[in-house]
């Protein structure tokens, strides 16, 4: 009798392993159906999560492409701005070089009087672009107080 009971249990276990829950006895069939239902729900849930992850992955790839494009545009703008700033600096240098040459050609006494009336920042830039010997002569004709203001600006500019 023990052997036959063992054989039945063994057959039921094998059937359960092979997915043949229909042979199970009594309440076991209902439990197998519940477990199968839970597993199917879990499988559907996992599939939905997988699909959501795929959708988000695609969105992220699209966003990455947009960001890369925006970075490229920003870099192009940066290059353009830097180029324009270089051009502005070059033009400013040219302008002050011309002004320095003009003031160097004026008699030093007159140039000194004009420098006194200029904004200290502008006067400083002109003096920085001027030949040092000619600038030194002009310094002799600038009021000491105004010369101090111009010098302070020159120090800030360098």
N, C-alpha and C. Protein backbone atom coordinates (compact mmCIF):
# COMPACT_ATOMS: atom_id res chain seq x y z
N UNK A 1 0.82 -1.18 0.00
CA UNK A 1 0.00 0.00 0.00
C UNK A 1 0.87 1.24 0.00
N UNK A 2 1.95 1.25 0.78
CA UNK A 2 2.85 2.37 0.84
C UNK A 2 3.50 2.61 -0.52
N UNK A 3 3.82 1.52 -1.19
CA UNK A 3 4.43 1.65 -2.50
C UNK A 3 3.47 2.27 -3.49
N UNK A 4 2.19 1.89 -3.46
CA UNK A 4 1.22 2.42 -4.43
C UNK A 4 0.95 3.90 -4.15
N UNK A 5 0.89 4.27 -2.88
CA UNK A 5 0.70 5.68 -2.54
C UNK A 5 1.88 6.52 -3.02
N UNK A 6 3.06 5.98 -2.80
CA UNK A 6 4.27 6.66 -3.25
C UNK A 6 4.27 6.81 -4.77
N UNK A 7 3.82 5.80 -5.47
CA UNK A 7 3.76 5.84 -6.92
C UNK A 7 2.79 6.90 -7.39
N UNK A 8 1.63 7.05 -6.72
CA UNK A 8 0.64 8.07 -7.08
C UNK A 8 1.22 9.46 -6.86
N UNK A 9 1.87 9.66 -5.72
CA UNK A 9 2.47 10.97 -5.41
C UNK A 9 3.54 11.30 -6.44
N UNK A 10 4.32 10.30 -6.80
CA UNK A 10 5.38 10.47 -7.78
C UNK A 10 4.79 10.85 -9.13
N UNK A 11 3.73 10.22 -9.53
CA UNK A 11 3.07 10.52 -10.81
C UNK A 11 2.50 11.94 -10.78
N UNK A 12 1.86 12.32 -9.65
CA UNK A 12 1.30 13.67 -9.52
C UNK A 12 2.41 14.71 -9.63
N UNK A 13 3.52 14.47 -8.95
CA UNK A 13 4.65 15.40 -8.98
C UNK A 13 5.20 15.53 -10.38
N UNK A 14 5.32 14.42 -11.08
CA UNK A 14 5.84 14.45 -12.45
C UNK A 14 4.87 15.18 -13.37
N UNK A 15 3.61 14.96 -13.19
CA UNK A 15 2.59 15.64 -14.00
C UNK A 15 2.63 17.14 -13.74
N UNK A 16 2.80 17.53 -12.48
CA UNK A 16 2.87 18.94 -12.13
C UNK A 16 4.10 19.57 -12.78
N UNK A 17 5.20 18.82 -12.76
CA UNK A 17 6.43 19.33 -13.37
C UNK A 17 6.27 19.46 -14.87
N UNK A 18 5.55 18.59 -15.47
CA UNK A 18 5.35 18.61 -16.91
C UNK A 18 4.19 19.51 -17.32
N UNK A 19 3.55 20.14 -16.35
CA UNK A 19 2.45 21.05 -16.64
C UNK A 19 1.13 20.36 -16.84
N UNK A 20 1.02 19.20 -16.36
CA UNK A 20 -0.22 18.44 -16.53
C UNK A 20 -0.97 18.44 -15.22
N UNK A 21 -1.33 19.64 -14.77
CA UNK A 21 -1.99 19.80 -13.47
C UNK A 21 -3.38 19.18 -13.43
N UNK A 22 -3.93 18.76 -14.53
CA UNK A 22 -5.28 18.20 -14.56
C UNK A 22 -5.37 16.87 -13.81
N UNK A 23 -4.24 16.20 -13.62
CA UNK A 23 -4.27 14.91 -12.96
C UNK A 23 -4.26 15.07 -11.45
N UNK A 24 -3.94 16.29 -10.98
CA UNK A 24 -3.83 16.54 -9.54
C UNK A 24 -5.14 16.23 -8.84
N UNK A 25 -5.02 15.95 -7.57
CA UNK A 25 -6.18 15.55 -6.79
C UNK A 25 -6.83 16.75 -6.10
N UNK A 26 -8.11 16.75 -5.97
CA UNK A 26 -8.89 17.70 -5.18
C UNK A 26 -8.51 19.15 -5.35
N UNK A 27 -8.16 19.82 -4.19
CA UNK A 27 -7.87 21.25 -4.13
C UNK A 27 -6.57 21.63 -4.81
N UNK A 28 -5.72 20.67 -5.10
CA UNK A 28 -4.44 20.97 -5.75
C UNK A 28 -4.67 21.57 -7.13
N UNK A 29 -5.70 21.12 -7.84
CA UNK A 29 -5.99 21.62 -9.18
C UNK A 29 -6.33 23.11 -9.12
N UNK A 30 -7.07 23.53 -8.11
CA UNK A 30 -7.44 24.94 -7.94
C UNK A 30 -6.20 25.76 -7.62
N UNK A 31 -5.31 25.23 -6.76
CA UNK A 31 -4.08 25.94 -6.42
C UNK A 31 -3.21 26.13 -7.65
N UNK A 32 -3.11 25.08 -8.46
CA UNK A 32 -2.31 25.18 -9.68
C UNK A 32 -2.89 26.23 -10.62
N UNK A 33 -4.21 26.30 -10.71
CA UNK A 33 -4.85 27.29 -11.57
C UNK A 33 -4.58 28.69 -11.04
N UNK A 34 -4.62 28.87 -9.72
CA UNK A 34 -4.32 30.17 -9.11
C UNK A 34 -2.88 30.58 -9.38
N UNK A 35 -1.98 29.65 -9.19
CA UNK A 35 -0.56 29.93 -9.44
C UNK A 35 -0.34 30.29 -10.89
N UNK A 36 -0.98 29.54 -11.79
CA UNK A 36 -0.86 29.80 -13.22
C UNK A 36 -1.41 31.18 -13.55
N UNK A 37 -2.51 31.55 -12.95
CA UNK A 37 -3.12 32.87 -13.16
C UNK A 37 -2.19 33.98 -12.67
N UNK A 38 -1.61 33.79 -11.49
CA UNK A 38 -0.68 34.78 -10.93
C UNK A 38 0.54 34.92 -11.83
N UNK A 39 1.05 33.76 -12.29
CA UNK A 39 2.22 33.80 -13.18
C UNK A 39 1.91 34.52 -14.50
N UNK A 40 0.70 34.28 -15.03
CA UNK A 40 0.31 34.96 -16.27
C UNK A 40 0.19 36.47 -16.06
N UNK A 41 -0.39 36.86 -14.93
CA UNK A 41 -0.50 38.30 -14.62
C UNK A 41 0.89 38.92 -14.49
N UNK A 42 1.76 38.20 -13.79
CA UNK A 42 3.13 38.70 -13.60
C UNK A 42 3.85 38.81 -14.94
N UNK A 43 3.63 37.84 -15.81
CA UNK A 43 4.25 37.86 -17.14
C UNK A 43 3.77 39.07 -17.93
N UNK A 44 2.44 39.34 -17.87
CA UNK A 44 1.88 40.51 -18.57
C UNK A 44 2.46 41.81 -17.99
N UNK A 45 2.57 41.86 -16.66
CA UNK A 45 3.11 43.04 -16.00
C UNK A 45 4.56 43.29 -16.42
N UNK A 46 5.34 42.22 -16.45
CA UNK A 46 6.74 42.34 -16.87
C UNK A 46 6.84 42.78 -18.33
N UNK A 47 5.97 42.27 -19.15
CA UNK A 47 5.97 42.66 -20.58
C UNK A 47 5.63 44.14 -20.72
N UNK A 48 4.65 44.62 -19.94
CA UNK A 48 4.28 46.04 -19.98
C UNK A 48 5.45 46.91 -19.52
N UNK A 49 6.13 46.46 -18.47
CA UNK A 49 7.29 47.21 -17.98
C UNK A 49 8.39 47.23 -19.03
N UNK A 50 8.57 46.12 -19.69
CA UNK A 50 9.58 46.02 -20.75
C UNK A 50 9.26 46.98 -21.90
N UNK A 51 7.99 47.02 -22.30
CA UNK A 51 7.57 47.93 -23.37
C UNK A 51 7.75 49.38 -22.95
N UNK A 52 7.43 49.70 -21.70
CA UNK A 52 7.61 51.07 -21.18
C UNK A 52 9.09 51.45 -21.18
N UNK A 53 9.94 50.51 -20.80
CA UNK A 53 11.37 50.78 -20.80
C UNK A 53 11.89 51.03 -22.22
N UNK A 54 11.40 50.26 -23.16
CA UNK A 54 11.79 50.45 -24.56
C UNK A 54 11.35 51.82 -25.06
N UNK A 55 10.12 52.22 -24.69
CA UNK A 55 9.61 53.53 -25.10
C UNK A 55 10.47 54.65 -24.52
N UNK A 56 10.81 54.52 -23.25
CA UNK A 56 11.64 55.53 -22.60
C UNK A 56 13.04 55.56 -23.20
N UNK A 57 13.54 54.41 -23.55
CA UNK A 57 14.87 54.33 -24.17
C UNK A 57 14.86 55.10 -25.49
N UNK A 58 13.81 54.91 -26.27
CA UNK A 58 13.70 55.63 -27.54
C UNK A 58 13.60 57.14 -27.31
N UNK A 59 12.84 57.54 -26.29
CA UNK A 59 12.72 58.97 -25.95
C UNK A 59 14.08 59.54 -25.57
N UNK A 60 14.83 58.79 -24.77
CA UNK A 60 16.15 59.24 -24.35
C UNK A 60 17.10 59.40 -25.53
N UNK A 61 17.03 58.48 -26.47
CA UNK A 61 17.87 58.57 -27.65
C UNK A 61 17.53 59.82 -28.47
N UNK A 62 16.24 60.10 -28.58
CA UNK A 62 15.80 61.31 -29.30
C UNK A 62 16.31 62.55 -28.57
N UNK A 63 16.18 62.56 -27.24
CA UNK A 63 16.67 63.70 -26.46
C UNK A 63 18.18 63.85 -26.57
N UNK A 64 18.90 62.74 -26.58
CA UNK A 64 20.36 62.80 -26.74
C UNK A 64 20.73 63.44 -28.06
N UNK A 65 20.02 63.09 -29.12
CA UNK A 65 20.29 63.67 -30.44
C UNK A 65 20.01 65.17 -30.43
N UNK A 66 18.90 65.56 -29.81
CA UNK A 66 18.56 66.99 -29.73
C UNK A 66 19.61 67.75 -28.93
N UNK A 67 20.04 67.18 -27.82
CA UNK A 67 21.05 67.83 -27.00
C UNK A 67 22.35 67.97 -27.78
N UNK A 68 22.73 66.93 -28.49
CA UNK A 68 23.96 66.98 -29.31
C UNK A 68 23.85 68.08 -30.36
N UNK A 69 22.68 68.22 -30.99
CA UNK A 69 22.48 69.27 -31.97
C UNK A 69 22.56 70.65 -31.33
N UNK A 70 21.97 70.80 -30.16
CA UNK A 70 22.00 72.09 -29.46
C UNK A 70 23.43 72.45 -29.05
N UNK A 71 24.18 71.45 -28.59
CA UNK A 71 25.58 71.68 -28.22
C UNK A 71 26.37 72.13 -29.44
N UNK A 72 26.10 71.50 -30.56
CA UNK A 72 26.79 71.88 -31.80
C UNK A 72 26.46 73.33 -32.17
N UNK A 73 25.19 73.71 -32.06
CA UNK A 73 24.78 75.09 -32.35
C UNK A 73 25.46 76.07 -31.40
N UNK A 74 25.48 75.72 -30.11
CA UNK A 74 26.11 76.58 -29.11
C UNK A 74 27.59 76.77 -29.41
N UNK A 75 28.26 75.68 -29.78
CA UNK A 75 29.69 75.77 -30.10
C UNK A 75 29.92 76.65 -31.33
N UNK A 76 29.02 76.54 -32.31
CA UNK A 76 29.14 77.38 -33.49
C UNK A 76 28.94 78.85 -33.13
N UNK A 77 27.95 79.12 -32.27
CA UNK A 77 27.72 80.50 -31.80
C UNK A 77 28.93 81.01 -31.03
N UNK A 78 29.49 80.17 -30.20
CA UNK A 78 30.66 80.55 -29.42
C UNK A 78 31.81 80.93 -30.36
N UNK A 79 32.04 80.13 -31.37
CA UNK A 79 33.11 80.42 -32.34
C UNK A 79 32.84 81.73 -33.06
N UNK A 80 31.58 81.96 -33.43
CA UNK A 80 31.22 83.20 -34.11
C UNK A 80 31.46 84.39 -33.20
N UNK A 81 31.02 84.28 -31.96
CA UNK A 81 31.20 85.38 -30.99
C UNK A 81 32.68 85.65 -30.76
N UNK A 82 33.46 84.59 -30.57
CA UNK A 82 34.90 84.76 -30.35
C UNK A 82 35.55 85.43 -31.55
N UNK A 83 35.15 85.02 -32.73
CA UNK A 83 35.69 85.63 -33.95
C UNK A 83 35.34 87.11 -34.03
N UNK A 84 34.08 87.42 -33.71
CA UNK A 84 33.66 88.83 -33.74
C UNK A 84 34.36 89.64 -32.67
N UNK A 85 34.56 89.05 -31.47
CA UNK A 85 35.29 89.75 -30.41
C UNK A 85 36.74 90.02 -30.83
N UNK A 86 37.36 89.04 -31.47
CA UNK A 86 38.72 89.23 -31.96
C UNK A 86 38.77 90.37 -32.97
N UNK A 87 37.77 90.43 -33.83
CA UNK A 87 37.71 91.51 -34.83
C UNK A 87 37.53 92.87 -34.15
N UNK A 88 36.66 92.91 -33.14
CA UNK A 88 36.44 94.16 -32.40
C UNK A 88 37.74 94.60 -31.71
N UNK A 89 38.44 93.65 -31.09
CA UNK A 89 39.71 93.98 -30.42
C UNK A 89 40.73 94.49 -31.44
N UNK A 90 40.77 93.85 -32.59
CA UNK A 90 41.71 94.28 -33.64
C UNK A 90 41.38 95.69 -34.09
N UNK A 91 40.08 95.97 -34.27
CA UNK A 91 39.66 97.30 -34.69
C UNK A 91 40.00 98.34 -33.62
N UNK A 92 39.78 97.98 -32.36
CA UNK A 92 40.11 98.89 -31.26
C UNK A 92 41.61 99.16 -31.22
N UNK A 93 42.40 98.12 -31.38
CA UNK A 93 43.86 98.28 -31.41
C UNK A 93 44.26 99.21 -32.54
N UNK A 94 43.69 98.99 -33.71
CA UNK A 94 43.99 99.85 -34.86
C UNK A 94 43.61 101.30 -34.57
N UNK A 95 42.44 101.49 -33.97
CA UNK A 95 41.95 102.85 -33.67
C UNK A 95 42.89 103.55 -32.69
N UNK A 96 43.29 102.87 -31.62
CA UNK A 96 44.18 103.50 -30.64
C UNK A 96 45.59 103.68 -31.19
N UNK A 97 46.03 102.78 -32.05
CA UNK A 97 47.33 102.94 -32.69
C UNK A 97 47.33 104.21 -33.55
N UNK A 98 46.25 104.42 -34.28
CA UNK A 98 46.13 105.64 -35.11
C UNK A 98 46.07 106.89 -34.24
N UNK A 99 45.29 106.83 -33.15
CA UNK A 99 45.21 107.98 -32.24
C UNK A 99 46.58 108.28 -31.61
N UNK A 100 47.30 107.23 -31.22
CA UNK A 100 48.63 107.41 -30.63
C UNK A 100 49.56 108.07 -31.64
N UNK A 101 49.50 107.65 -32.87
CA UNK A 101 50.34 108.27 -33.91
C UNK A 101 49.95 109.73 -34.11
N UNK A 102 48.66 110.02 -34.07
CA UNK A 102 48.18 111.40 -34.23
C UNK A 102 48.69 112.28 -33.08
N UNK A 103 48.54 111.81 -31.83
CA UNK A 103 48.99 112.60 -30.69
C UNK A 103 50.52 112.74 -30.67
N UNK A 104 51.22 111.73 -31.16
CA UNK A 104 52.68 111.81 -31.23
C UNK A 104 53.13 112.85 -32.25
N UNK A 105 52.28 113.11 -33.24
CA UNK A 105 52.65 114.09 -34.27
C UNK A 105 52.32 115.52 -33.86
N UNK A 106 51.54 115.71 -32.82
CA UNK A 106 51.18 117.03 -32.30
C UNK A 106 52.33 117.52 -31.41
N UNK A 107 52.58 118.80 -31.38
CA UNK A 107 53.60 119.30 -30.44
C UNK A 107 53.27 118.82 -29.02
N UNK A 108 54.28 118.33 -28.26
CA UNK A 108 54.04 117.74 -26.95
C UNK A 108 53.24 118.62 -25.99
N UNK A 109 53.46 119.93 -26.02
CA UNK A 109 52.74 120.82 -25.11
C UNK A 109 51.24 120.77 -25.41
N UNK A 110 50.88 120.82 -26.70
CA UNK A 110 49.48 120.76 -27.10
C UNK A 110 48.88 119.37 -26.80
N UNK A 111 49.64 118.33 -27.07
CA UNK A 111 49.16 116.96 -26.82
C UNK A 111 48.90 116.78 -25.33
N UNK A 112 49.77 117.32 -24.48
CA UNK A 112 49.59 117.22 -23.04
C UNK A 112 48.31 117.90 -22.57
N UNK A 113 48.04 119.09 -23.12
CA UNK A 113 46.82 119.82 -22.74
C UNK A 113 45.56 119.05 -23.17
N UNK A 114 45.64 118.44 -24.35
CA UNK A 114 44.48 117.67 -24.84
C UNK A 114 44.28 116.42 -23.96
N UNK A 115 45.39 115.75 -23.62
CA UNK A 115 45.31 114.53 -22.79
C UNK A 115 44.66 114.83 -21.45
N UNK A 116 44.95 116.01 -20.90
CA UNK A 116 44.36 116.39 -19.62
C UNK A 116 42.83 116.45 -19.69
N UNK A 117 42.32 116.81 -20.85
CA UNK A 117 40.87 116.98 -21.00
C UNK A 117 40.15 115.66 -21.36
N UNK A 118 40.93 114.67 -21.80
CA UNK A 118 40.33 113.38 -22.18
C UNK A 118 39.92 112.58 -20.95
N UNK A 119 39.02 111.66 -21.15
CA UNK A 119 38.67 110.66 -20.14
C UNK A 119 39.96 109.90 -19.81
N UNK A 120 40.28 109.69 -18.54
CA UNK A 120 41.53 109.03 -18.17
C UNK A 120 41.71 107.65 -18.82
N UNK A 121 40.65 106.93 -18.99
CA UNK A 121 40.74 105.60 -19.61
C UNK A 121 41.18 105.71 -21.07
N UNK A 122 40.59 106.65 -21.79
CA UNK A 122 40.95 106.84 -23.20
C UNK A 122 42.38 107.35 -23.30
N UNK A 123 42.73 108.32 -22.47
CA UNK A 123 44.10 108.86 -22.49
C UNK A 123 45.11 107.75 -22.19
N UNK A 124 44.77 106.88 -21.23
CA UNK A 124 45.66 105.77 -20.87
C UNK A 124 45.88 104.84 -22.06
N UNK A 125 44.81 104.51 -22.75
CA UNK A 125 44.95 103.60 -23.90
C UNK A 125 45.80 104.24 -24.99
N UNK A 126 45.59 105.52 -25.23
CA UNK A 126 46.39 106.22 -26.26
C UNK A 126 47.86 106.18 -25.86
N UNK A 127 48.14 106.49 -24.60
CA UNK A 127 49.54 106.50 -24.13
C UNK A 127 50.17 105.11 -24.22
N UNK A 128 49.39 104.07 -23.97
CA UNK A 128 49.93 102.71 -24.06
C UNK A 128 50.33 102.34 -25.49
N UNK A 129 49.63 102.88 -26.46
CA UNK A 129 49.94 102.56 -27.87
C UNK A 129 50.97 103.50 -28.47
N UNK A 130 51.34 104.52 -27.74
CA UNK A 130 52.27 105.52 -28.25
C UNK A 130 53.72 105.08 -28.04
N UNK A 131 54.59 105.59 -28.91
CA UNK A 131 56.03 105.39 -28.77
C UNK A 131 56.43 105.92 -27.38
N UNK A 132 57.20 105.15 -26.63
CA UNK A 132 57.52 105.48 -25.24
C UNK A 132 58.28 106.81 -25.11
N UNK A 133 59.18 107.11 -26.03
CA UNK A 133 59.93 108.36 -25.94
C UNK A 133 59.01 109.56 -26.12
N UNK A 134 58.14 109.48 -27.11
CA UNK A 134 57.22 110.60 -27.37
C UNK A 134 56.21 110.73 -26.23
N UNK A 135 55.75 109.58 -25.71
CA UNK A 135 54.81 109.61 -24.58
C UNK A 135 55.48 110.26 -23.37
N UNK A 136 56.75 109.94 -23.14
CA UNK A 136 57.48 110.53 -22.01
C UNK A 136 57.57 112.04 -22.10
N UNK A 137 57.76 112.55 -23.30
CA UNK A 137 57.83 114.00 -23.49
C UNK A 137 56.48 114.63 -23.19
N UNK A 138 55.41 113.98 -23.67
CA UNK A 138 54.05 114.50 -23.45
C UNK A 138 53.71 114.50 -21.97
N UNK A 139 54.17 113.47 -21.22
CA UNK A 139 53.90 113.40 -19.77
C UNK A 139 54.37 114.67 -19.06
N UNK A 140 55.42 115.25 -19.57
CA UNK A 140 55.94 116.47 -18.95
C UNK A 140 54.99 117.65 -19.04
N UNK A 141 54.01 117.59 -19.92
CA UNK A 141 53.07 118.69 -20.11
C UNK A 141 51.66 118.39 -19.58
N UNK A 142 51.54 117.32 -18.84
CA UNK A 142 50.24 116.94 -18.26
C UNK A 142 50.26 117.27 -16.77
N UNK A 143 49.18 117.86 -16.27
CA UNK A 143 49.04 118.18 -14.85
C UNK A 143 49.29 116.92 -14.03
N UNK A 144 50.11 117.00 -12.97
CA UNK A 144 50.45 115.82 -12.18
C UNK A 144 49.23 115.06 -11.64
N UNK A 145 48.21 115.77 -11.22
CA UNK A 145 47.00 115.11 -10.70
C UNK A 145 46.34 114.27 -11.80
N UNK A 146 46.22 114.88 -12.98
CA UNK A 146 45.62 114.17 -14.13
C UNK A 146 46.54 113.03 -14.57
N UNK A 147 47.86 113.24 -14.51
CA UNK A 147 48.82 112.19 -14.88
C UNK A 147 48.66 110.99 -13.96
N UNK A 148 48.37 111.23 -12.68
CA UNK A 148 48.14 110.12 -11.73
C UNK A 148 46.90 109.32 -12.12
N UNK A 149 45.83 110.00 -12.48
CA UNK A 149 44.60 109.31 -12.89
C UNK A 149 44.85 108.46 -14.14
N UNK A 150 45.55 109.04 -15.09
CA UNK A 150 45.85 108.32 -16.35
C UNK A 150 46.73 107.09 -16.03
N UNK A 151 47.71 107.27 -15.17
CA UNK A 151 48.61 106.17 -14.81
C UNK A 151 47.83 105.04 -14.14
N UNK A 152 46.92 105.38 -13.24
CA UNK A 152 46.10 104.35 -12.59
C UNK A 152 45.34 103.54 -13.62
N UNK A 153 44.79 104.22 -14.62
CA UNK A 153 44.06 103.53 -15.69
C UNK A 153 44.99 102.63 -16.49
N UNK A 154 46.20 103.13 -16.75
CA UNK A 154 47.18 102.32 -17.51
C UNK A 154 47.50 101.03 -16.77
N UNK A 155 47.64 101.14 -15.45
CA UNK A 155 47.95 99.95 -14.64
C UNK A 155 46.78 98.96 -14.72
N UNK A 156 45.55 99.46 -14.66
CA UNK A 156 44.37 98.58 -14.74
C UNK A 156 44.27 97.91 -16.10
N UNK A 157 44.65 98.62 -17.14
CA UNK A 157 44.52 98.09 -18.50
C UNK A 157 45.55 97.00 -18.82
N UNK A 158 46.71 97.11 -18.22
CA UNK A 158 47.76 96.12 -18.54
C UNK A 158 47.51 94.87 -17.84
